[in-house]
């Protein structure tokens, strides 16, 4: 599991191109590890851009 493969897997999962299980396979990790990575890379609640 490399950071690049996990990043790619997260991108594909978030764009709904892959399921969580498929993204975990692409990332070379378990679904639990991918979910943990997704939480770690998720923007904080206060970091969301404002709607103008």
N, C-alpha and C. Protein backbone atom coordinates (compact mmCIF):
# COMPACT_ATOMS: atom_id res chain seq x y z
N UNK A 1 0.85 -1.17 0.00
CA UNK A 1 0.00 0.00 0.00
C UNK A 1 0.90 1.24 0.00
N UNK A 2 0.89 1.95 -1.09
CA UNK A 2 1.65 3.20 -1.18
C UNK A 2 0.68 4.38 -1.08
N UNK A 3 1.21 5.51 -0.71
CA UNK A 3 0.34 6.68 -0.58
C UNK A 3 -0.27 7.07 -1.92
N UNK A 4 0.48 6.86 -3.01
CA UNK A 4 -0.04 7.19 -4.34
C UNK A 4 -1.20 6.27 -4.71
N UNK A 5 -1.06 4.97 -4.44
CA UNK A 5 -2.13 4.03 -4.79
C UNK A 5 -3.37 4.27 -3.94
N UNK A 6 -3.16 4.61 -2.67
CA UNK A 6 -4.30 4.89 -1.80
C UNK A 6 -4.97 6.19 -2.23
N UNK A 7 -4.19 7.19 -2.59
CA UNK A 7 -4.74 8.45 -3.05
C UNK A 7 -5.58 8.25 -4.31
N UNK A 8 -5.06 7.46 -5.23
CA UNK A 8 -5.80 7.15 -6.46
C UNK A 8 -7.09 6.42 -6.13
N UNK A 9 -7.00 5.44 -5.24
CA UNK A 9 -8.18 4.68 -4.85
C UNK A 9 -9.22 5.58 -4.20
N UNK A 10 -8.80 6.48 -3.33
CA UNK A 10 -9.73 7.41 -2.69
C UNK A 10 -10.40 8.32 -3.72
N UNK A 11 -9.63 8.79 -4.67
CA UNK A 11 -10.19 9.64 -5.72
C UNK A 11 -11.26 8.90 -6.51
N UNK A 12 -10.96 7.68 -6.88
CA UNK A 12 -11.93 6.89 -7.65
C UNK A 12 -13.16 6.54 -6.83
N UNK A 13 -12.96 6.28 -5.54
CA UNK A 13 -14.10 5.98 -4.67
C UNK A 13 -14.98 7.22 -4.48
N UNK A 14 -14.34 8.35 -4.21
CA UNK A 14 -15.11 9.58 -3.98
C UNK A 14 -15.86 10.04 -5.21
N UNK A 15 -15.31 9.74 -6.39
CA UNK A 15 -16.00 10.11 -7.63
C UNK A 15 -17.05 9.09 -8.02
N UNK A 16 -17.20 8.07 -7.18
CA UNK A 16 -18.18 6.98 -7.36
C UNK A 16 -17.90 6.17 -8.62
N UNK A 17 -16.63 6.15 -9.02
CA UNK A 17 -16.22 5.30 -10.13
C UNK A 17 -16.08 3.87 -9.65
N UNK A 18 -15.60 3.70 -8.42
CA UNK A 18 -15.40 2.37 -7.83
C UNK A 18 -16.17 2.27 -6.52
N UNK A 19 -16.51 1.05 -6.15
CA UNK A 19 -17.07 0.80 -4.83
C UNK A 19 -15.94 0.83 -3.82
N UNK A 20 -16.27 0.84 -2.56
CA UNK A 20 -15.26 0.82 -1.51
C UNK A 20 -14.38 -0.42 -1.63
N UNK A 21 -14.99 -1.55 -1.89
CA UNK A 21 -14.25 -2.80 -2.01
C UNK A 21 -13.30 -2.77 -3.21
N UNK A 22 -13.77 -2.26 -4.33
CA UNK A 22 -12.93 -2.16 -5.52
C UNK A 22 -11.78 -1.18 -5.29
N UNK A 23 -12.07 -0.07 -4.65
CA UNK A 23 -11.02 0.93 -4.38
C UNK A 23 -9.97 0.36 -3.44
N UNK A 24 -10.39 -0.43 -2.47
CA UNK A 24 -9.43 -1.05 -1.55
C UNK A 24 -8.52 -2.01 -2.31
N UNK A 25 -9.08 -2.74 -3.25
CA UNK A 25 -8.27 -3.65 -4.06
C UNK A 25 -7.25 -2.86 -4.88
N UNK A 26 -7.68 -1.78 -5.50
CA UNK A 26 -6.78 -0.93 -6.29
C UNK A 26 -5.68 -0.35 -5.40
N UNK A 27 -6.06 0.06 -4.20
CA UNK A 27 -5.11 0.67 -3.27
C UNK A 27 -4.22 -0.34 -2.57
N UNK A 28 -4.54 -1.62 -2.70
CA UNK A 28 -3.74 -2.65 -2.07
C UNK A 28 -3.89 -2.67 -0.56
N UNK A 29 -5.10 -2.38 -0.09
CA UNK A 29 -5.34 -2.35 1.35
C UNK A 29 -6.72 -2.90 1.64
N UNK A 30 -7.05 -2.98 2.91
CA UNK A 30 -8.38 -3.45 3.31
C UNK A 30 -9.36 -2.28 3.24
N UNK A 31 -10.64 -2.61 3.26
CA UNK A 31 -11.64 -1.55 3.25
C UNK A 31 -11.53 -0.69 4.51
N UNK A 32 -11.20 -1.31 5.64
CA UNK A 32 -11.04 -0.55 6.88
C UNK A 32 -9.88 0.43 6.78
N UNK A 33 -8.77 0.00 6.19
CA UNK A 33 -7.63 0.90 6.02
C UNK A 33 -7.98 2.04 5.08
N UNK A 34 -8.72 1.75 4.03
CA UNK A 34 -9.10 2.79 3.08
C UNK A 34 -10.04 3.79 3.74
N UNK A 35 -10.99 3.30 4.54
CA UNK A 35 -11.89 4.20 5.25
C UNK A 35 -11.11 5.10 6.21
N UNK A 36 -10.13 4.52 6.90
CA UNK A 36 -9.30 5.30 7.81
C UNK A 36 -8.53 6.38 7.06
N UNK A 37 -7.99 6.03 5.92
CA UNK A 37 -7.28 6.99 5.09
C UNK A 37 -8.21 8.09 4.59
N UNK A 38 -9.43 7.71 4.23
CA UNK A 38 -10.40 8.70 3.75
C UNK A 38 -10.71 9.71 4.85
N UNK A 39 -10.85 9.24 6.07
CA UNK A 39 -11.11 10.16 7.19
C UNK A 39 -9.91 11.07 7.43
N UNK A 40 -8.71 10.52 7.30
CA UNK A 40 -7.50 11.31 7.53
C UNK A 40 -7.34 12.40 6.48
N UNK A 41 -7.77 12.16 5.25
CA UNK A 41 -7.61 13.12 4.16
C UNK A 41 -8.85 13.99 3.94
N UNK A 42 -9.89 13.75 4.71
CA UNK A 42 -11.13 14.53 4.55
C UNK A 42 -10.90 15.94 5.06
N UNK A 43 -11.47 16.92 4.38
CA UNK A 43 -11.33 18.30 4.87
C UNK A 43 -12.06 18.47 6.19
N UNK A 44 -11.51 19.29 7.05
CA UNK A 44 -12.15 19.59 8.33
C UNK A 44 -13.43 20.36 8.07
N UNK A 45 -14.36 20.31 9.00
CA UNK A 45 -15.67 20.95 8.82
C UNK A 45 -15.53 22.44 8.52
N UNK A 46 -14.57 23.12 9.12
CA UNK A 46 -14.39 24.54 8.90
C UNK A 46 -13.64 24.89 7.64
N UNK A 47 -13.12 23.87 6.92
CA UNK A 47 -12.32 24.11 5.73
C UNK A 47 -13.14 24.12 4.44
N UNK A 48 -14.41 23.86 4.53
CA UNK A 48 -15.25 23.80 3.32
C UNK A 48 -15.40 25.19 2.75
N UNK A 49 -15.34 25.32 1.41
CA UNK A 49 -15.51 26.65 0.81
C UNK A 49 -16.91 27.18 1.05
N UNK A 50 -17.02 28.46 1.24
CA UNK A 50 -18.32 29.09 1.47
C UNK A 50 -19.06 29.23 0.15
N UNK A 51 -20.37 29.10 0.23
CA UNK A 51 -21.22 29.32 -0.95
C UNK A 51 -21.50 30.82 -1.06
N UNK A 52 -21.01 31.41 -2.11
CA UNK A 52 -21.23 32.86 -2.30
C UNK A 52 -22.28 33.10 -3.33
